[in-house]
Amino acid sequence: MAMSYIWSGLVILSFLWGFFHGNLSAVAAAALDGAQSALELSLSMAGILCLWSGVMEILNVCGLSRRIAALFRPLLRRLLPNASRDEETLAAVSANVSANLLGLGNAATPLGIQAARRMARNCGGTASDELCLLVVLNTASIQLLPTTVASVRAAFGSAAPFDILPAVWISSLASVTVGLLTARLLSRRKGGPA
């Protein structure tokens, strides 16, 4: 709700600034150009999203997503021991991590929400350390194929939208490492399990 007030305030301030400085036509033109660019980007992103959602569905149908998720279960059992006790929660977390690994952030979101809801059942209104760790893993996910970023690059005319792979691998690995270490440090400071 607060963001809608902030964005509305920014739009009103922009038009007022343009009006009082005699640039109202430039502000209006920029607003229309921005709206057109946003629409073009949204349509190109929708196509890419449909493509990769279809790929994810094919992976689900042929069972490959379950196999990928099974690879992560030993690691997730160590990171999230309480959540691992419930097989459905572990399956949702594993599928979420797998989808993020494939760069399917939009497909991973419902799985992450499902896992978070299941993990929050016994939290009593306060997020547990494991639930916070899930948010860290979901936010700073390691991506082998950054499909969303590549699709944005392709929409803006990049000849090689996937040439960013080494930088994405290094930065996502670093962000997950820092996130996990920070979560562990804060858990210890709070007196949680080591």
Protein backbone atom coordinates (compact mmCIF):
# COMPACT_ATOMS: atom_id res chain seq x y z
CA MET A 1 0.00 0.00 0.00
CA ALA A 2 2.83 2.39 0.84
CA MET A 3 4.42 1.86 -2.57
CA SER A 4 1.25 3.05 -4.33
CA TYR A 5 1.43 6.28 -2.33
CA ILE A 6 5.11 6.69 -3.16
CA TRP A 7 4.59 6.12 -6.89
CA SER A 8 1.53 8.39 -6.97
CA GLY A 9 3.49 11.09 -5.16
CA LEU A 10 6.39 10.80 -7.61
CA VAL A 11 4.06 11.12 -10.60
CA ILE A 12 2.28 14.15 -9.12
CA LEU A 13 5.59 15.80 -8.19
CA SER A 14 6.93 15.20 -11.71
CA PHE A 15 3.95 16.86 -13.32
CA LEU A 16 4.03 19.76 -10.83
CA TRP A 17 7.77 20.23 -11.41
CA GLY A 18 7.24 20.21 -15.17
CA PHE A 19 4.34 22.66 -14.88
CA PHE A 20 6.21 25.18 -12.72
CA HIS A 21 9.38 25.00 -14.81
CA GLY A 22 7.65 25.16 -18.19
CA ASN A 23 8.53 21.59 -19.17
CA LEU A 24 5.11 20.00 -18.85
CA SER A 25 5.12 18.86 -22.49
CA ALA A 26 8.49 17.15 -21.98
CA VAL A 27 7.22 15.42 -18.82
CA ALA A 28 4.07 14.26 -20.64
CA ALA A 29 6.13 13.01 -23.60
CA ALA A 30 8.49 11.14 -21.25
CA ALA A 31 5.52 9.59 -19.45
CA LEU A 32 4.05 8.35 -22.74
CA ASP A 33 7.43 7.04 -23.95
CA GLY A 34 7.92 5.26 -20.63
CA ALA A 35 4.47 3.69 -20.83
CA GLN A 36 5.14 2.49 -24.38
CA SER A 37 8.53 1.02 -23.38
CA ALA A 38 6.96 -0.69 -20.36
CA LEU A 39 4.25 -2.23 -22.56
CA GLU A 40 6.77 -3.47 -25.13
CA LEU A 41 8.97 -4.95 -22.41
CA SER A 42 5.98 -6.58 -20.71
CA LEU A 43 4.84 -8.22 -23.95
CA SER A 44 8.31 -9.52 -24.77
CA MET A 45 8.72 -10.78 -21.19
CA ALA A 46 5.32 -12.48 -21.36
CA GLY A 47 6.47 -14.49 -24.37
CA ILE A 48 9.66 -15.57 -22.65
CA LEU A 49 7.73 -16.37 -19.46
CA CYS A 50 5.31 -18.55 -21.42
CA LEU A 51 8.21 -20.34 -23.08
CA TRP A 52 10.05 -21.11 -19.83
CA SER A 53 6.86 -21.98 -17.96
CA GLY A 54 6.21 -24.48 -20.74
CA VAL A 55 9.73 -25.83 -20.34
CA MET A 56 9.13 -26.19 -16.60
CA GLU A 57 5.86 -28.03 -17.28
CA ILE A 58 7.65 -30.40 -19.67
CA LEU A 59 10.30 -31.00 -17.00
CA ASN A 60 7.49 -31.80 -14.53
CA VAL A 61 5.71 -34.17 -16.91
CA CYS A 62 8.83 -36.13 -17.80
CA GLY A 63 9.93 -36.27 -14.16
CA LEU A 64 13.19 -34.40 -14.64
CA SER A 65 12.23 -31.66 -12.17
CA ARG A 66 11.71 -34.33 -9.48
CA ARG A 67 15.14 -35.76 -10.23
CA ILE A 68 16.77 -32.33 -10.02
CA ALA A 69 14.92 -31.66 -6.76
CA ALA A 70 16.08 -35.01 -5.40
CA LEU A 71 19.69 -33.91 -5.92
CA PHE A 72 19.15 -30.99 -3.54
CA ARG A 73 17.40 -32.91 -0.78
CA PRO A 74 20.55 -34.00 1.11
CA LEU A 75 21.80 -30.40 1.19
CA LEU A 76 18.38 -29.03 2.13
CA ARG A 77 18.04 -31.59 4.93
CA ARG A 78 21.23 -30.16 6.43
CA LEU A 79 20.19 -26.54 5.94
CA LEU A 80 16.54 -26.94 6.97
CA PRO A 81 16.35 -29.90 9.39
CA ASN A 82 12.92 -29.04 10.84
CA ALA A 83 11.31 -28.45 7.45
CA SER A 84 12.84 -31.70 6.20
CA ARG A 85 10.70 -33.68 8.62
CA ASP A 86 7.65 -32.95 6.47
CA GLU A 87 8.06 -34.58 3.05
CA GLU A 88 5.66 -32.18 1.28
CA THR A 89 7.48 -29.13 2.64
CA LEU A 90 10.83 -30.57 1.58
CA ALA A 91 9.42 -31.33 -1.88
CA ALA A 92 8.19 -27.74 -2.25
CA VAL A 93 11.52 -26.31 -1.09
CA SER A 94 13.43 -28.65 -3.43
CA ALA A 95 11.23 -27.72 -6.38
CA ASN A 96 11.63 -24.04 -5.54
CA VAL A 97 15.42 -24.30 -5.46
CA SER A 98 15.38 -26.29 -8.72
CA ALA A 99 13.23 -23.71 -10.50
CA ASN A 100 15.46 -20.90 -9.26
CA LEU A 101 18.53 -22.83 -10.43
CA LEU A 102 17.03 -22.95 -13.91
CA GLY A 103 16.33 -19.21 -13.74
CA LEU A 104 12.56 -19.65 -13.64
CA GLY A 105 11.95 -17.13 -10.87
CA ASN A 106 8.29 -16.62 -11.77
CA ALA A 107 7.68 -20.37 -11.80
CA ALA A 108 9.60 -20.71 -8.52
CA THR A 109 7.50 -18.13 -6.67
CA PRO A 110 4.37 -20.29 -6.14
CA LEU A 111 6.56 -23.16 -4.94
CA GLY A 112 8.37 -20.84 -2.52
CA ILE A 113 5.08 -19.49 -1.20
CA GLN A 114 3.77 -23.03 -0.71
CA ALA A 115 6.94 -24.02 1.17
CA ALA A 116 6.84 -20.85 3.30
CA ARG A 117 3.19 -21.42 4.23
CA ARG A 118 3.93 -24.98 5.27
CA MET A 119 6.97 -23.87 7.28
CA ALA A 120 5.04 -21.03 8.95
CA ARG A 121 2.31 -23.31 10.32
CA ASN A 122 4.08 -23.88 13.63
CA CYS A 123 5.83 -20.52 13.96
CA GLY A 124 3.19 -18.81 16.11
CA GLY A 125 3.22 -15.61 14.04
CA THR A 126 7.00 -15.13 14.15
CA ALA A 127 9.24 -16.29 11.34
CA SER A 128 11.55 -19.12 12.36
CA ASP A 129 15.23 -19.17 11.47
CA GLU A 130 14.52 -21.80 8.83
CA LEU A 131 11.76 -19.72 7.26
CA CYS A 132 14.13 -16.75 7.10
CA LEU A 133 16.75 -19.02 5.56
CA LEU A 134 14.23 -20.10 2.91
CA VAL A 135 13.65 -16.44 2.05
CA VAL A 136 17.42 -15.94 1.76
CA LEU A 137 17.77 -19.00 -0.48
CA ASN A 138 14.86 -17.87 -2.62
CA THR A 139 16.05 -14.28 -2.92
CA ALA A 140 19.74 -14.92 -3.53
CA SER A 141 19.27 -18.08 -5.57
CA ILE A 142 22.07 -19.62 -7.60
CA GLN A 143 21.12 -19.53 -11.26
CA LEU A 144 22.65 -21.67 -13.96
CA LEU A 145 20.43 -20.12 -16.64
CA PRO A 146 19.34 -16.53 -15.89
CA THR A 147 16.41 -16.68 -18.29
CA THR A 148 14.66 -13.55 -17.03
CA VAL A 149 17.74 -11.33 -17.36
CA ALA A 150 18.58 -12.90 -20.72
CA SER A 151 15.04 -12.23 -21.97
CA VAL A 152 15.28 -8.58 -20.92
CA ARG A 153 18.62 -8.32 -22.72
CA ALA A 154 17.11 -9.96 -25.82
CA ALA A 155 14.12 -7.60 -25.70
CA PHE A 156 16.50 -4.65 -25.78
CA GLY A 157 18.38 -6.03 -28.79
CA SER A 158 21.33 -7.89 -27.29
CA ALA A 159 23.00 -10.09 -29.89
CA ALA A 160 24.22 -12.51 -27.19
CA PRO A 161 21.82 -12.33 -24.22
CA PHE A 162 23.48 -15.25 -22.40
CA ASP A 163 27.03 -13.89 -22.53
CA ILE A 164 26.56 -12.79 -18.91
CA LEU A 165 26.64 -16.38 -17.61
CA PRO A 166 30.05 -16.33 -15.85
CA ALA A 167 29.20 -13.08 -14.06
CA VAL A 168 25.79 -14.43 -13.03
CA TRP A 169 27.29 -17.68 -11.73
CA ILE A 170 29.92 -15.86 -9.66
CA SER A 171 27.56 -13.20 -8.29
CA SER A 172 24.74 -15.63 -7.47
CA LEU A 173 27.12 -18.05 -5.76
CA ALA A 174 28.60 -15.16 -3.77
CA SER A 175 25.17 -13.83 -2.79
CA VAL A 176 23.97 -17.24 -1.61
CA THR A 177 27.18 -17.78 0.37
CA VAL A 178 26.95 -14.39 2.05
CA GLY A 179 23.23 -14.89 2.73
CA LEU A 180 23.75 -18.31 4.30
CA LEU A 181 26.67 -17.11 6.43
CA THR A 182 24.74 -14.04 7.57
CA ALA A 183 21.66 -16.11 8.42
CA ARG A 184 23.82 -18.55 10.38
CA LEU A 185 25.58 -15.72 12.21
CA LEU A 186 22.31 -14.00 13.13
CA SER A 187 20.82 -17.33 14.23
CA ARG A 188 23.78 -17.91 16.57
CA ARG A 189 23.62 -14.36 17.95
CA LYS A 190 19.96 -14.86 18.72
CA GLY A 191 20.74 -18.10 20.51
CA GLY A 192 19.32 -20.40 17.86
CA PRO A 193 20.73 -23.74 16.80
CA ALA A 194 24.30 -23.64 15.51
